[in-house]
Amino acid sequence: MIAPVLILLVIETLQAGFYFYTSASLNHATQYAARQVLVGAVEQQGLTAAQFRTQVLCPQLPTTMSCSSVVTNIVNVPEGTSPNGFYAFVNASQTGVIPPTMDNSQTNFCPGSTGSYIYIQVYYAMPLISPIWLAVGSTSWNGSTVHFVSSYAAFKNEPFSGSQSSC
C-alpha cells in the first residue's frame, strides 16, 4: 500500500533533481555564450545562429543535454522605456518573460556591434518522466513531452573592433 507512494516520491525527487541540474547547466552555458557575444567574439567570427549553438553554447553543456533540444533567441534591443526596449520581452503585468517561438528557424540571431544592447534567451526542452510534471508542466514539442528550462542574459556589448552588425 505504501510502495506506490514511495515510488512516486522517488520519481518526483529524480525529476526535480534533473530539473535543477539542467537549469544550473543551462545557466552556466548561457553565461559563457553571453560573454562571447559581449566581447565581440561571435560577431568577429561571423557565426550563424546554428554555428553559435554548436560551437559556442552547446560545448558548455553536459553530454546528457542534447544540442538539438536547445532553442536560442538573440536580439539587439534598442534603448527605451516601457513598452519598448527590454520591456518588450515581459508580459503586460511585468511578472514573466514572453518566450519566443520554440523553433530555431523562427527565432532571432543578432549579436550586435560594439555598444549594442543584447538580450539572450536560451531554452532547453527537458524530457519528463514524472507523472505529476507530465500533468501540470508539460508541453508537446517535436513529438516529445517536455518542460522548457530557460536562461537569460541582458547586457551592453563592450567596445570591440570588427564588422558592424546590420541587424
C-alpha atoms as a PDB file:
ATOM      1  CA  MET A   1       0.000   0.000   0.000  1.00  0.00           C
ATOM      2  CA  ILE A   2       2.870   2.371   0.744  1.00  0.00           C
ATOM      3  CA  ALA A   3       5.018   1.199  -2.196  1.00  0.00           C
ATOM      4  CA  PRO A   4       3.209   3.231  -4.921  1.00  0.00           C
ATOM      5  CA  VAL A   5       3.537   6.394  -2.843  1.00  0.00           C
ATOM      6  CA  LEU A   6       7.242   5.756  -2.238  1.00  0.00           C
ATOM      7  CA  ILE A   7       7.867   5.021  -5.922  1.00  0.00           C
ATOM      8  CA  LEU A   8       6.067   8.238  -6.894  1.00  0.00           C
ATOM      9  CA  LEU A   9       8.135  10.146  -4.321  1.00  0.00           C
ATOM     10  CA  VAL A  10      11.375   8.729  -5.749  1.00  0.00           C
ATOM     11  CA  ILE A  11      10.329   9.592  -9.325  1.00  0.00           C
ATOM     12  CA  GLU A  12       9.365  13.141  -8.320  1.00  0.00           C
ATOM     13  CA  THR A  13      12.655  13.584  -6.460  1.00  0.00           C
ATOM     14  CA  LEU A  14      14.603  12.389  -9.505  1.00  0.00           C
ATOM     15  CA  GLN A  15      12.665  14.724 -11.817  1.00  0.00           C
ATOM     16  CA  ALA A  16      13.201  17.702  -9.511  1.00  0.00           C
ATOM     17  CA  GLY A  17      16.911  16.899  -9.237  1.00  0.00           C
ATOM     18  CA  PHE A  18      17.183  16.608 -13.007  1.00  0.00           C
ATOM     19  CA  TYR A  19      15.423  19.973 -13.361  1.00  0.00           C
ATOM     20  CA  PHE A  20      17.894  21.720 -11.026  1.00  0.00           C
ATOM     21  CA  TYR A  21      20.858  20.037 -12.736  1.00  0.00           C
ATOM     22  CA  THR A  22      19.542  21.075 -16.164  1.00  0.00           C
ATOM     23  CA  SER A  23      18.822  24.620 -15.004  1.00  0.00           C
ATOM     24  CA  ALA A  24      22.279  25.118 -13.495  1.00  0.00           C
ATOM     25  CA  SER A  25      23.981  23.641 -16.564  1.00  0.00           C
ATOM     26  CA  LEU A  26      21.946  25.827 -18.908  1.00  0.00           C
ATOM     27  CA  ASN A  27      22.697  28.942 -16.842  1.00  0.00           C
ATOM     28  CA  HIS A  28      26.426  28.185 -16.983  1.00  0.00           C
ATOM     29  CA  ALA A  29      26.360  27.675 -20.757  1.00  0.00           C
ATOM     30  CA  THR A  30      24.243  30.793 -21.302  1.00  0.00           C
ATOM     31  CA  GLN A  31      26.583  32.978 -19.274  1.00  0.00           C
ATOM     32  CA  TYR A  32      29.599  31.643 -21.161  1.00  0.00           C
ATOM     33  CA  ALA A  33      27.909  32.213 -24.528  1.00  0.00           C
ATOM     34  CA  ALA A  34      26.762  35.685 -23.460  1.00  0.00           C
ATOM     35  CA  ARG A  35      30.357  36.575 -22.610  1.00  0.00           C
ATOM     36  CA  GLN A  36      31.409  35.527 -26.114  1.00  0.00           C
ATOM     37  CA  VAL A  37      28.781  37.860 -27.588  1.00  0.00           C
ATOM     38  CA  LEU A  38      29.635  40.649 -25.135  1.00  0.00           C
ATOM     39  CA  VAL A  39      33.335  40.779 -26.099  1.00  0.00           C
ATOM     40  CA  GLY A  40      32.588  40.559 -29.830  1.00  0.00           C
ATOM     41  CA  ALA A  41      33.930  37.052 -30.480  1.00  0.00           C
ATOM     42  CA  VAL A  42      30.675  35.898 -32.122  1.00  0.00           C
ATOM     43  CA  GLU A  43      30.383  38.989 -34.333  1.00  0.00           C
ATOM     44  CA  GLN A  44      34.061  38.943 -35.334  1.00  0.00           C
ATOM     45  CA  GLN A  45      33.892  35.275 -36.345  1.00  0.00           C
ATOM     46  CA  GLY A  46      30.726  35.904 -38.353  1.00  0.00           C
ATOM     47  CA  LEU A  47      28.933  32.932 -36.786  1.00  0.00           C
ATOM     48  CA  THR A  48      25.425  31.956 -37.843  1.00  0.00           C
ATOM     49  CA  ALA A  49      22.766  31.022 -35.285  1.00  0.00           C
ATOM     50  CA  ALA A  50      23.416  27.299 -35.849  1.00  0.00           C
ATOM     51  CA  GLN A  51      27.180  27.776 -35.538  1.00  0.00           C
ATOM     52  CA  PHE A  52      26.667  29.808 -32.370  1.00  0.00           C
ATOM     53  CA  ARG A  53      24.695  26.940 -30.835  1.00  0.00           C
ATOM     54  CA  THR A  54      27.050  24.159 -31.934  1.00  0.00           C
ATOM     55  CA  GLN A  55      30.397  25.927 -31.459  1.00  0.00           C
ATOM     56  CA  VAL A  56      29.831  28.275 -28.525  1.00  0.00           C
ATOM     57  CA  LEU A  57      26.792  27.307 -26.429  1.00  0.00           C
ATOM     58  CA  CYS A  58      26.424  23.525 -26.665  1.00  0.00           C
ATOM     59  CA  PRO A  59      30.066  22.609 -25.896  1.00  0.00           C
ATOM     60  CA  GLN A  60      29.437  24.136 -22.457  1.00  0.00           C
ATOM     61  CA  LEU A  61      26.503  21.810 -21.809  1.00  0.00           C
ATOM     62  CA  PRO A  62      26.974  18.348 -20.289  1.00  0.00           C
ATOM     63  CA  THR A  63      26.821  15.433 -22.720  1.00  0.00           C
ATOM     64  CA  THR A  64      23.476  14.425 -21.187  1.00  0.00           C
ATOM     65  CA  MET A  65      21.891  17.539 -22.726  1.00  0.00           C
ATOM     66  CA  SER A  66      21.343  17.290 -26.478  1.00  0.00           C
ATOM     67  CA  CYS A  67      22.103  20.361 -28.571  1.00  0.00           C
ATOM     68  CA  SER A  68      19.101  19.546 -30.754  1.00  0.00           C
ATOM     69  CA  SER A  69      16.891  20.361 -27.752  1.00  0.00           C
ATOM     70  CA  VAL A  70      18.280  23.895 -27.392  1.00  0.00           C
ATOM     71  CA  VAL A  71      16.408  26.950 -28.691  1.00  0.00           C
ATOM     72  CA  THR A  72      18.156  30.341 -28.772  1.00  0.00           C
ATOM     73  CA  ASN A  73      16.907  33.847 -29.383  1.00  0.00           C
ATOM     74  CA  ILE A  74      19.453  36.696 -29.530  1.00  0.00           C
ATOM     75  CA  VAL A  75      18.048  40.174 -30.039  1.00  0.00           C
ATOM     76  CA  ASN A  76      19.640  43.597 -30.445  1.00  0.00           C
ATOM     77  CA  VAL A  77      17.395  45.743 -28.239  1.00  0.00           C
ATOM     78  CA  PRO A  78      17.010  49.489 -28.766  1.00  0.00           C
ATOM     79  CA  GLU A  79      17.030  51.640 -25.651  1.00  0.00           C
ATOM     80  CA  GLY A  80      13.621  52.667 -24.494  1.00  0.00           C
ATOM     81  CA  THR A  81      11.139  52.917 -21.697  1.00  0.00           C
ATOM     82  CA  SER A  82       8.056  50.792 -21.317  1.00  0.00           C
ATOM     83  CA  PRO A  83       6.677  49.319 -23.611  1.00  0.00           C
ATOM     84  CA  ASN A  84       9.902  49.476 -25.683  1.00  0.00           C
ATOM     85  CA  GLY A  85      13.449  48.277 -25.011  1.00  0.00           C
ATOM     86  CA  PHE A  86      13.732  45.282 -22.720  1.00  0.00           C
ATOM     87  CA  TYR A  87      10.124  45.819 -21.626  1.00  0.00           C
ATOM     88  CA  ALA A  88       9.052  44.318 -24.964  1.00  0.00           C
ATOM     89  CA  PHE A  89      10.093  40.915 -23.616  1.00  0.00           C
ATOM     90  CA  VAL A  90       7.923  40.837 -20.499  1.00  0.00           C
ATOM     91  CA  ASN A  91       4.187  40.363 -20.217  1.00  0.00           C
ATOM     92  CA  ALA A  92       1.831  43.288 -19.605  1.00  0.00           C
ATOM     93  CA  SER A  93       1.842  42.832 -15.820  1.00  0.00           C
ATOM     94  CA  GLN A  94       5.666  42.507 -15.876  1.00  0.00           C
ATOM     95  CA  THR A  95       5.525  39.234 -13.968  1.00  0.00           C
ATOM     96  CA  GLY A  96       7.027  36.933 -16.587  1.00  0.00           C
ATOM     97  CA  VAL A  97       9.146  36.718 -19.703  1.00  0.00           C
ATOM     98  CA  ILE A  98       7.468  36.236 -23.075  1.00  0.00           C
ATOM     99  CA  PRO A  99       9.081  33.170 -24.692  1.00  0.00           C
ATOM    100  CA  PRO A 100       9.962  33.149 -28.383  1.00  0.00           C
ATOM    101  CA  THR A 101       8.610  30.622 -30.844  1.00  0.00           C
ATOM    102  CA  MET A 102      10.261  27.336 -29.903  1.00  0.00           C
ATOM    103  CA  ASP A 103      11.672  26.811 -33.380  1.00  0.00           C
ATOM    104  CA  ASN A 104      15.248  27.872 -34.139  1.00  0.00           C
ATOM    105  CA  SER A 105      14.312  28.651 -37.739  1.00  0.00           C
ATOM    106  CA  GLN A 106      11.899  31.334 -36.457  1.00  0.00           C
ATOM    107  CA  THR A 107      13.983  32.949 -33.708  1.00  0.00           C
ATOM    108  CA  ASN A 108      16.289  35.955 -33.961  1.00  0.00           C
ATOM    109  CA  PHE A 109      20.066  35.936 -34.114  1.00  0.00           C
ATOM    110  CA  CYS A 110      21.641  39.364 -33.832  1.00  0.00           C
ATOM    111  CA  PRO A 111      24.814  39.501 -31.704  1.00  0.00           C
ATOM    112  CA  GLY A 112      25.021  43.240 -32.383  1.00  0.00           C
ATOM    113  CA  SER A 113      28.018  45.507 -32.722  1.00  0.00           C
ATOM    114  CA  THR A 114      30.047  47.427 -30.190  1.00  0.00           C
ATOM    115  CA  GLY A 115      27.807  49.225 -27.700  1.00  0.00           C
ATOM    116  CA  SER A 116      24.643  47.308 -28.680  1.00  0.00           C
ATOM    117  CA  TYR A 117      22.176  46.243 -26.011  1.00  0.00           C
ATOM    118  CA  ILE A 118      21.657  42.498 -26.310  1.00  0.00           C
ATOM    119  CA  TYR A 119      19.070  40.149 -24.839  1.00  0.00           C
ATOM    120  CA  ILE A 120      19.686  36.401 -24.997  1.00  0.00           C
ATOM    121  CA  GLN A 121      17.044  33.776 -24.313  1.00  0.00           C
ATOM    122  CA  VAL A 122      18.105  30.119 -24.177  1.00  0.00           C
ATOM    123  CA  TYR A 123      15.627  27.292 -23.698  1.00  0.00           C
ATOM    124  CA  TYR A 124      16.237  23.592 -23.240  1.00  0.00           C
ATOM    125  CA  ALA A 125      13.497  21.013 -23.814  1.00  0.00           C
ATOM    126  CA  MET A 126      13.923  18.782 -20.752  1.00  0.00           C
ATOM    127  CA  PRO A 127      12.375  15.322 -21.117  1.00  0.00           C
ATOM    128  CA  LEU A 128       9.844  14.345 -18.467  1.00  0.00           C
ATOM    129  CA  ILE A 129       9.376  11.070 -16.601  1.00  0.00           C
ATOM    130  CA  SER A 130       7.280  12.290 -13.698  1.00  0.00           C
ATOM    131  CA  PRO A 131       3.517  11.761 -13.837  1.00  0.00           C
ATOM    132  CA  ILE A 132       2.905  14.992 -11.910  1.00  0.00           C
ATOM    133  CA  TRP A 133       5.202  17.070 -14.154  1.00  0.00           C
ATOM    134  CA  LEU A 134       3.577  15.457 -17.186  1.00  0.00           C
ATOM    135  CA  ALA A 135       0.163  16.536 -15.911  1.00  0.00           C
ATOM    136  CA  VAL A 136       0.944  20.134 -14.944  1.00  0.00           C
ATOM    137  CA  GLY A 137       4.190  21.333 -16.506  1.00  0.00           C
ATOM    138  CA  SER A 138       4.447  19.675 -19.872  1.00  0.00           C
ATOM    139  CA  THR A 139       4.473  20.858 -23.455  1.00  0.00           C
ATOM    140  CA  SER A 140       4.402  18.834 -26.636  1.00  0.00           C
ATOM    141  CA  TRP A 141       7.479  19.693 -28.714  1.00  0.00           C
ATOM    142  CA  ASN A 142       8.952  17.808 -31.694  1.00  0.00           C
ATOM    143  CA  GLY A 143       6.905  14.726 -30.863  1.00  0.00           C
ATOM    144  CA  SER A 144       8.016  14.586 -27.217  1.00  0.00           C
ATOM    145  CA  THR A 145       6.526  15.730 -23.963  1.00  0.00           C
ATOM    146  CA  VAL A 146       8.952  18.211 -22.401  1.00  0.00           C
ATOM    147  CA  HIS A 147       9.299  21.056 -19.935  1.00  0.00           C
ATOM    148  CA  PHE A 148      11.219  24.107 -21.159  1.00  0.00           C
ATOM    149  CA  VAL A 149      14.015  25.182 -18.846  1.00  0.00           C
ATOM    150  CA  SER A 150      15.134  28.752 -19.521  1.00  0.00           C
ATOM    151  CA  SER A 151      18.102  31.000 -19.013  1.00  0.00           C
ATOM    152  CA  TYR A 152      18.545  34.660 -19.929  1.00  0.00           C
ATOM    153  CA  ALA A 153      21.235  37.300 -20.234  1.00  0.00           C
ATOM    154  CA  ALA A 154      20.930  41.033 -20.914  1.00  0.00           C
ATOM    155  CA  PHE A 155      23.912  43.323 -21.387  1.00  0.00           C
ATOM    156  CA  LYS A 156      25.601  46.051 -23.394  1.00  0.00           C
ATOM    157  CA  ASN A 157      28.364  44.872 -25.723  1.00  0.00           C
ATOM    158  CA  GLU A 158      31.857  46.013 -24.844  1.00  0.00           C
ATOM    159  CA  PRO A 159      33.839  48.069 -27.333  1.00  0.00           C
ATOM    160  CA  PHE A 160      35.426  45.761 -29.914  1.00  0.00           C
ATOM    161  CA  SER A 161      36.788  46.085 -33.392  1.00  0.00           C
ATOM    162  CA  GLY A 162      35.360  44.221 -36.319  1.00  0.00           C
ATOM    163  CA  SER A 163      32.422  44.273 -38.638  1.00  0.00           C
ATOM    164  CA  GLN A 164      29.346  46.283 -37.794  1.00  0.00           C
ATOM    165  CA  SER A 165      26.204  44.220 -37.447  1.00  0.00           C
ATOM    166  CA  SER A 166      23.358  45.058 -39.771  1.00  0.00           C
ATOM    167  CA  CYS A 167      20.625  43.669 -37.537  1.00  0.00           C
END
